[in-house]
Amino acid sequence: MTMLLKLFFSFIQVGLFSVGGGYAAIPLIQNQIVIVHKLMTMAEFTDLITIAEMTPGPISINSATFVGTQLAGPIGAIICTLACIIPAFIICLLLAHFYYKYRNFSGVQLVLSALRPAVVAMIASAGLSILVLGLFNTNLQGIQLNNFRPIEFILFIGAFFLLRKYKFNAITIIFGTGIIGTLLYLPTLIR
């Protein structure tokens, strides 16, 4: 029961403070699940985020569902998902009411434009954490150049190039790099 309460209050906080969409929620989920409560390792968390990103739907909801399932089964999935949704639902109802009532005031536009840099910083933080984990198999504080993973770096640069230059579909890139990575690491897995 304490695990379910811990998950509920963690995801209430995630839902309450993840301004800017699903990707902005990733560092908040990481903080609650990996750092504060130590319910998962960073590697397990990154695996779940990878699955959540490949699954249709909002990444924050998918992440909450997968974390809940991993830690407390189906009831954990339901509790984490609802806890993540409830604050956003209530806030959206309130904001919609006030936005339609006061949308022509310049102060409203000023507040919205002031939030944009914070959202970009949160998304960049999540991306950097995942990139460092992928390239060095550690967090930002534990980077050592002798842990550099060249295969992951080449896959990252190739995927980035294909996404930016040729506008490849992200799903194709995910599956393609997954297949290539599996084939490259298969000999080491067989031994």
C-alpha atoms as a PDB file:
ATOM      1  CA  MET A   1       0.000   0.000   0.000  1.00  0.00           C
ATOM      2  CA  THR A   2       2.820   2.437   0.762  1.00  0.00           C
ATOM      3  CA  MET A   3       4.251   1.830  -2.717  1.00  0.00           C
ATOM      4  CA  LEU A   4       0.925   2.799  -4.298  1.00  0.00           C
ATOM      5  CA  LEU A   5       0.680   5.972  -2.198  1.00  0.00           C
ATOM      6  CA  LYS A   6       4.273   6.857  -3.023  1.00  0.00           C
ATOM      7  CA  LEU A   7       3.550   6.400  -6.740  1.00  0.00           C
ATOM      8  CA  PHE A   8       0.290   8.352  -6.499  1.00  0.00           C
ATOM      9  CA  PHE A   9       1.868  11.386  -4.821  1.00  0.00           C
ATOM     10  CA  SER A  10       4.914  11.254  -7.106  1.00  0.00           C
ATOM     11  CA  PHE A  11       2.782  11.341 -10.240  1.00  0.00           C
ATOM     12  CA  ILE A  12       0.438  13.979  -8.814  1.00  0.00           C
ATOM     13  CA  GLN A  13       3.561  16.158  -8.569  1.00  0.00           C
ATOM     14  CA  VAL A  14       4.609  15.214 -12.094  1.00  0.00           C
ATOM     15  CA  GLY A  15       1.156  16.063 -13.430  1.00  0.00           C
ATOM     16  CA  LEU A  16       1.057  19.291 -11.466  1.00  0.00           C
ATOM     17  CA  PHE A  17       4.478  20.645 -12.437  1.00  0.00           C
ATOM     18  CA  SER A  18       5.062  19.312 -15.969  1.00  0.00           C
ATOM     19  CA  VAL A  19       4.296  22.545 -17.784  1.00  0.00           C
ATOM     20  CA  GLY A  20       4.968  22.247 -21.497  1.00  0.00           C
ATOM     21  CA  GLY A  21       3.816  18.770 -22.414  1.00  0.00           C
ATOM     22  CA  GLY A  22       5.030  15.224 -22.135  1.00  0.00           C
ATOM     23  CA  TYR A  23       8.720  15.748 -22.776  1.00  0.00           C
ATOM     24  CA  ALA A  24       8.855  18.334 -19.997  1.00  0.00           C
ATOM     25  CA  ALA A  25       7.544  15.648 -17.622  1.00  0.00           C
ATOM     26  CA  ILE A  26      10.480  13.289 -18.228  1.00  0.00           C
ATOM     27  CA  PRO A  27      12.953  15.053 -15.889  1.00  0.00           C
ATOM     28  CA  LEU A  28      10.234  15.290 -13.228  1.00  0.00           C
ATOM     29  CA  ILE A  29       9.457  11.571 -13.478  1.00  0.00           C
ATOM     30  CA  GLN A  30      13.189  10.826 -13.419  1.00  0.00           C
ATOM     31  CA  ASN A  31      13.615  12.944 -10.299  1.00  0.00           C
ATOM     32  CA  GLN A  32      10.725  11.283  -8.439  1.00  0.00           C
ATOM     33  CA  ILE A  33      11.337   7.670  -9.487  1.00  0.00           C
ATOM     34  CA  VAL A  34      15.130   7.466  -9.866  1.00  0.00           C
ATOM     35  CA  ILE A  35      16.555  10.139  -7.566  1.00  0.00           C
ATOM     36  CA  VAL A  36      14.088  10.836  -4.724  1.00  0.00           C
ATOM     37  CA  HIS A  37      12.483   7.424  -4.141  1.00  0.00           C
ATOM     38  CA  LYS A  38      15.157   5.248  -5.830  1.00  0.00           C
ATOM     39  CA  LEU A  39      12.528   2.889  -7.236  1.00  0.00           C
ATOM     40  CA  MET A  40      14.470   2.353 -10.504  1.00  0.00           C
ATOM     41  CA  THR A  41      17.951   2.742 -11.843  1.00  0.00           C
ATOM     42  CA  MET A  42      18.619   5.294 -14.566  1.00  0.00           C
ATOM     43  CA  ALA A  43      19.112   2.473 -17.076  1.00  0.00           C
ATOM     44  CA  GLU A  44      15.716   0.929 -16.224  1.00  0.00           C
ATOM     45  CA  PHE A  45      14.110   4.371 -16.418  1.00  0.00           C
ATOM     46  CA  THR A  46      15.662   5.045 -19.824  1.00  0.00           C
ATOM     47  CA  ASP A  47      14.378   1.692 -21.100  1.00  0.00           C
ATOM     48  CA  LEU A  48      10.873   2.605 -19.964  1.00  0.00           C
ATOM     49  CA  ILE A  49      11.100   6.051 -21.580  1.00  0.00           C
ATOM     50  CA  THR A  50      12.220   4.384 -24.821  1.00  0.00           C
ATOM     51  CA  ILE A  51       9.190   2.097 -24.738  1.00  0.00           C
ATOM     52  CA  ALA A  52       6.894   4.993 -23.801  1.00  0.00           C
ATOM     53  CA  GLU A  53       8.181   7.042 -26.730  1.00  0.00           C
ATOM     54  CA  MET A  54       7.609   4.219 -29.211  1.00  0.00           C
ATOM     55  CA  THR A  55       4.065   3.593 -27.966  1.00  0.00           C
ATOM     56  CA  PRO A  56       1.222   5.684 -29.402  1.00  0.00           C
ATOM     57  CA  GLY A  57      -0.040   8.412 -27.099  1.00  0.00           C
ATOM     58  CA  PRO A  58       1.393  11.147 -24.892  1.00  0.00           C
ATOM     59  CA  ILE A  59       4.819  10.246 -23.541  1.00  0.00           C
ATOM     60  CA  SER A  60       4.095  11.426 -19.985  1.00  0.00           C
ATOM     61  CA  ILE A  61       0.964   9.255 -19.740  1.00  0.00           C
ATOM     62  CA  ASN A  62       2.751   6.294 -21.326  1.00  0.00           C
ATOM     63  CA  SER A  63       5.673   6.765 -18.932  1.00  0.00           C
ATOM     64  CA  ALA A  64       3.360   6.896 -15.925  1.00  0.00           C
ATOM     65  CA  THR A  65       1.582   3.753 -17.101  1.00  0.00           C
ATOM     66  CA  PHE A  66       4.823   1.849 -17.722  1.00  0.00           C
ATOM     67  CA  VAL A  67       6.408   2.939 -14.428  1.00  0.00           C
ATOM     68  CA  GLY A  68       3.253   1.952 -12.550  1.00  0.00           C
ATOM     69  CA  THR A  69       3.121  -1.420 -14.293  1.00  0.00           C
ATOM     70  CA  GLN A  70       6.806  -2.085 -13.646  1.00  0.00           C
ATOM     71  CA  LEU A  71       6.645  -1.192  -9.950  1.00  0.00           C
ATOM     72  CA  ALA A  72       3.148  -2.245  -8.859  1.00  0.00           C
ATOM     73  CA  GLY A  73       1.439  -4.170 -11.654  1.00  0.00           C
ATOM     74  CA  PRO A  74      -1.897  -3.219 -13.278  1.00  0.00           C
ATOM     75  CA  ILE A  75      -3.207  -1.346 -10.216  1.00  0.00           C
ATOM     76  CA  GLY A  76       0.028   0.680 -10.181  1.00  0.00           C
ATOM     77  CA  ALA A  77      -0.478   1.524 -13.848  1.00  0.00           C
ATOM     78  CA  ILE A  78      -3.995   2.794 -13.158  1.00  0.00           C
ATOM     79  CA  ILE A  79      -2.940   4.824 -10.107  1.00  0.00           C
ATOM     80  CA  CYS A  80       0.088   6.410 -11.832  1.00  0.00           C
ATOM     81  CA  THR A  81      -1.885   7.226 -14.976  1.00  0.00           C
ATOM     82  CA  LEU A  82      -4.787   8.798 -13.076  1.00  0.00           C
ATOM     83  CA  ALA A  83      -2.432  10.712 -10.783  1.00  0.00           C
ATOM     84  CA  CYS A  84      -0.623  12.098 -13.824  1.00  0.00           C
ATOM     85  CA  ILE A  85      -3.884  13.116 -15.534  1.00  0.00           C
ATOM     86  CA  ILE A  86      -5.880  14.598 -12.626  1.00  0.00           C
ATOM     87  CA  PRO A  87      -3.846  17.808 -12.109  1.00  0.00           C
ATOM     88  CA  ALA A  88      -3.682  18.550 -15.833  1.00  0.00           C
ATOM     89  CA  PHE A  89      -7.404  17.951 -16.210  1.00  0.00           C
ATOM     90  CA  ILE A  90      -8.291  20.328 -13.371  1.00  0.00           C
ATOM     91  CA  ILE A  91      -5.749  22.949 -14.437  1.00  0.00           C
ATOM     92  CA  CYS A  92      -6.933  22.818 -18.064  1.00  0.00           C
ATOM     93  CA  LEU A  93     -10.538  23.358 -17.005  1.00  0.00           C
ATOM     94  CA  LEU A  94      -9.566  26.355 -14.878  1.00  0.00           C
ATOM     95  CA  LEU A  95      -7.187  27.823 -17.459  1.00  0.00           C
ATOM     96  CA  ALA A  96      -9.682  27.412 -20.284  1.00  0.00           C
ATOM     97  CA  HIS A  97     -12.258  29.302 -18.265  1.00  0.00           C
ATOM     98  CA  PHE A  98      -9.866  32.161 -17.444  1.00  0.00           C
ATOM     99  CA  TYR A  99      -8.238  32.210 -20.884  1.00  0.00           C
ATOM    100  CA  TYR A 100     -11.543  32.673 -22.694  1.00  0.00           C
ATOM    101  CA  LYS A 101     -12.557  35.312 -20.186  1.00  0.00           C
ATOM    102  CA  TYR A 102      -9.252  37.271 -20.221  1.00  0.00           C
ATOM    103  CA  ARG A 103      -7.490  36.258 -23.456  1.00  0.00           C
ATOM    104  CA  ASN A 104      -7.269  39.791 -24.830  1.00  0.00           C
ATOM    105  CA  PHE A 105      -5.212  41.123 -21.897  1.00  0.00           C
ATOM    106  CA  SER A 106      -1.529  41.642 -22.649  1.00  0.00           C
ATOM    107  CA  GLY A 107      -0.524  40.146 -19.273  1.00  0.00           C
ATOM    108  CA  VAL A 108      -1.825  36.740 -20.343  1.00  0.00           C
ATOM    109  CA  GLN A 109       0.341  36.791 -23.468  1.00  0.00           C
ATOM    110  CA  LEU A 110       3.320  37.950 -21.415  1.00  0.00           C
ATOM    111  CA  VAL A 111       2.997  35.018 -18.982  1.00  0.00           C
ATOM    112  CA  LEU A 112       2.695  32.500 -21.830  1.00  0.00           C
ATOM    113  CA  SER A 113       5.777  33.840 -23.593  1.00  0.00           C
ATOM    114  CA  ALA A 114       7.730  33.827 -20.300  1.00  0.00           C
ATOM    115  CA  LEU A 115       7.036  30.095 -19.826  1.00  0.00           C
ATOM    116  CA  ARG A 116       8.492  29.059 -23.196  1.00  0.00           C
ATOM    117  CA  PRO A 117      12.205  29.232 -22.230  1.00  0.00           C
ATOM    118  CA  ALA A 118      11.594  27.135 -19.106  1.00  0.00           C
ATOM    119  CA  VAL A 119       9.849  24.467 -21.157  1.00  0.00           C
ATOM    120  CA  VAL A 120      12.686  24.386 -23.690  1.00  0.00           C
ATOM    121  CA  ALA A 121      15.226  24.051 -20.859  1.00  0.00           C
ATOM    122  CA  MET A 122      13.329  21.134 -19.289  1.00  0.00           C
ATOM    123  CA  ILE A 123      13.112  19.291 -22.605  1.00  0.00           C
ATOM    124  CA  ALA A 124      16.816  19.925 -23.274  1.00  0.00           C
ATOM    125  CA  SER A 125      17.676  18.621 -19.795  1.00  0.00           C
ATOM    126  CA  ALA A 126      15.788  15.388 -20.401  1.00  0.00           C
ATOM    127  CA  GLY A 127      17.390  14.963 -23.827  1.00  0.00           C
ATOM    128  CA  LEU A 128      20.874  15.588 -22.462  1.00  0.00           C
ATOM    129  CA  SER A 129      20.382  13.056 -19.642  1.00  0.00           C
ATOM    130  CA  ILE A 130      19.293  10.372 -22.096  1.00  0.00           C
ATOM    131  CA  LEU A 131      22.088  11.245 -24.556  1.00  0.00           C
ATOM    132  CA  VAL A 132      24.757  11.018 -21.840  1.00  0.00           C
ATOM    133  CA  LEU A 133      23.338   7.713 -20.620  1.00  0.00           C
ATOM    134  CA  GLY A 134      23.370   6.367 -24.175  1.00  0.00           C
ATOM    135  CA  LEU A 135      26.897   7.539 -24.981  1.00  0.00           C
ATOM    136  CA  PHE A 136      28.613   6.961 -21.613  1.00  0.00           C
ATOM    137  CA  ASN A 137      26.246   4.616 -19.717  1.00  0.00           C
ATOM    138  CA  THR A 138      26.166   7.017 -16.746  1.00  0.00           C
ATOM    139  CA  ASN A 139      24.709  10.340 -15.620  1.00  0.00           C
ATOM    140  CA  LEU A 140      26.248  13.784 -16.171  1.00  0.00           C
ATOM    141  CA  GLN A 141      28.379  13.630 -13.029  1.00  0.00           C
ATOM    142  CA  GLY A 142      29.909  10.246 -13.853  1.00  0.00           C
ATOM    143  CA  ILE A 143      31.151  10.886 -17.408  1.00  0.00           C
ATOM    144  CA  GLN A 144      34.523   9.288 -18.151  1.00  0.00           C
ATOM    145  CA  LEU A 145      35.953   9.338 -21.652  1.00  0.00           C
ATOM    146  CA  ASN A 146      37.077   5.711 -21.405  1.00  0.00           C
ATOM    147  CA  ASN A 147      33.367   4.734 -21.131  1.00  0.00           C
ATOM    148  CA  PHE A 148      32.534   6.379 -24.465  1.00  0.00           C
ATOM    149  CA  ARG A 149      30.400   4.106 -26.673  1.00  0.00           C
ATOM    150  CA  PRO A 150      31.301   4.718 -30.342  1.00  0.00           C
ATOM    151  CA  ILE A 151      28.546   2.512 -31.812  1.00  0.00           C
ATOM    152  CA  GLU A 152      25.869   4.511 -29.993  1.00  0.00           C
ATOM    153  CA  PHE A 153      27.533   7.758 -31.097  1.00  0.00           C
ATOM    154  CA  ILE A 154      27.527   6.704 -34.754  1.00  0.00           C
ATOM    155  CA  LEU A 155      23.882   5.603 -34.503  1.00  0.00           C
ATOM    156  CA  PHE A 156      22.962   8.917 -32.864  1.00  0.00           C
ATOM    157  CA  ILE A 157      24.753  11.022 -35.493  1.00  0.00           C
ATOM    158  CA  GLY A 158      23.259   8.933 -38.320  1.00  0.00           C
ATOM    159  CA  ALA A 159      19.741   9.156 -36.889  1.00  0.00           C
ATOM    160  CA  PHE A 160      20.087  12.896 -36.267  1.00  0.00           C
ATOM    161  CA  PHE A 161      21.334  13.445 -39.826  1.00  0.00           C
ATOM    162  CA  LEU A 162      18.496  11.411 -41.350  1.00  0.00           C
ATOM    163  CA  LEU A 163      15.906  13.199 -39.238  1.00  0.00           C
ATOM    164  CA  ARG A 164      17.177  16.724 -39.929  1.00  0.00           C
ATOM    165  CA  LYS A 165      18.466  16.497 -43.497  1.00  0.00           C
ATOM    166  CA  TYR A 166      16.067  14.009 -45.100  1.00  0.00           C
ATOM    167  CA  LYS A 167      13.091  14.326 -42.710  1.00  0.00           C
ATOM    168  CA  PHE A 168      12.848  10.552 -42.180  1.00  0.00           C
ATOM    169  CA  ASN A 169       9.950   9.291 -40.120  1.00  0.00           C
ATOM    170  CA  ALA A 170      10.956   9.047 -36.424  1.00  0.00           C
ATOM    171  CA  ILE A 171       9.396   5.579 -36.088  1.00  0.00           C
ATOM    172  CA  THR A 172      11.488   4.339 -39.008  1.00  0.00           C
ATOM    173  CA  ILE A 173      14.609   5.789 -37.368  1.00  0.00           C
ATOM    174  CA  ILE A 174      13.784   4.152 -34.011  1.00  0.00           C
ATOM    175  CA  PHE A 175      13.214   0.728 -35.528  1.00  0.00           C
ATOM    176  CA  GLY A 176      16.172   1.067 -37.899  1.00  0.00           C
ATOM    177  CA  THR A 177      18.659   2.022 -35.184  1.00  0.00           C
ATOM    178  CA  GLY A 178      17.210  -0.709 -32.952  1.00  0.00           C
ATOM    179  CA  ILE A 179      17.790  -3.329 -35.639  1.00  0.00           C
ATOM    180  CA  ILE A 180      21.279  -2.040 -36.473  1.00  0.00           C
ATOM    181  CA  GLY A 181      22.243  -1.884 -32.785  1.00  0.00           C
ATOM    182  CA  THR A 182      20.937  -5.400 -32.203  1.00  0.00           C
ATOM    183  CA  LEU A 183      22.895  -6.740 -35.169  1.00  0.00           C
ATOM    184  CA  LEU A 184      26.082  -4.981 -34.051  1.00  0.00           C
ATOM    185  CA  TYR A 185      25.802  -6.221 -30.457  1.00  0.00           C
ATOM    186  CA  LEU A 186      24.499  -9.699 -31.307  1.00  0.00           C
ATOM    187  CA  PRO A 187      27.977 -11.308 -31.405  1.00  0.00           C
ATOM    188  CA  THR A 188      28.719 -10.043 -27.879  1.00  0.00           C
ATOM    189  CA  LEU A 189      25.333 -11.270 -26.614  1.00  0.00           C
ATOM    190  CA  ILE A 190      25.827 -14.760 -28.030  1.00  0.00           C
ATOM    191  CA  ARG A 191      29.190 -15.298 -26.315  1.00  0.00           C
END
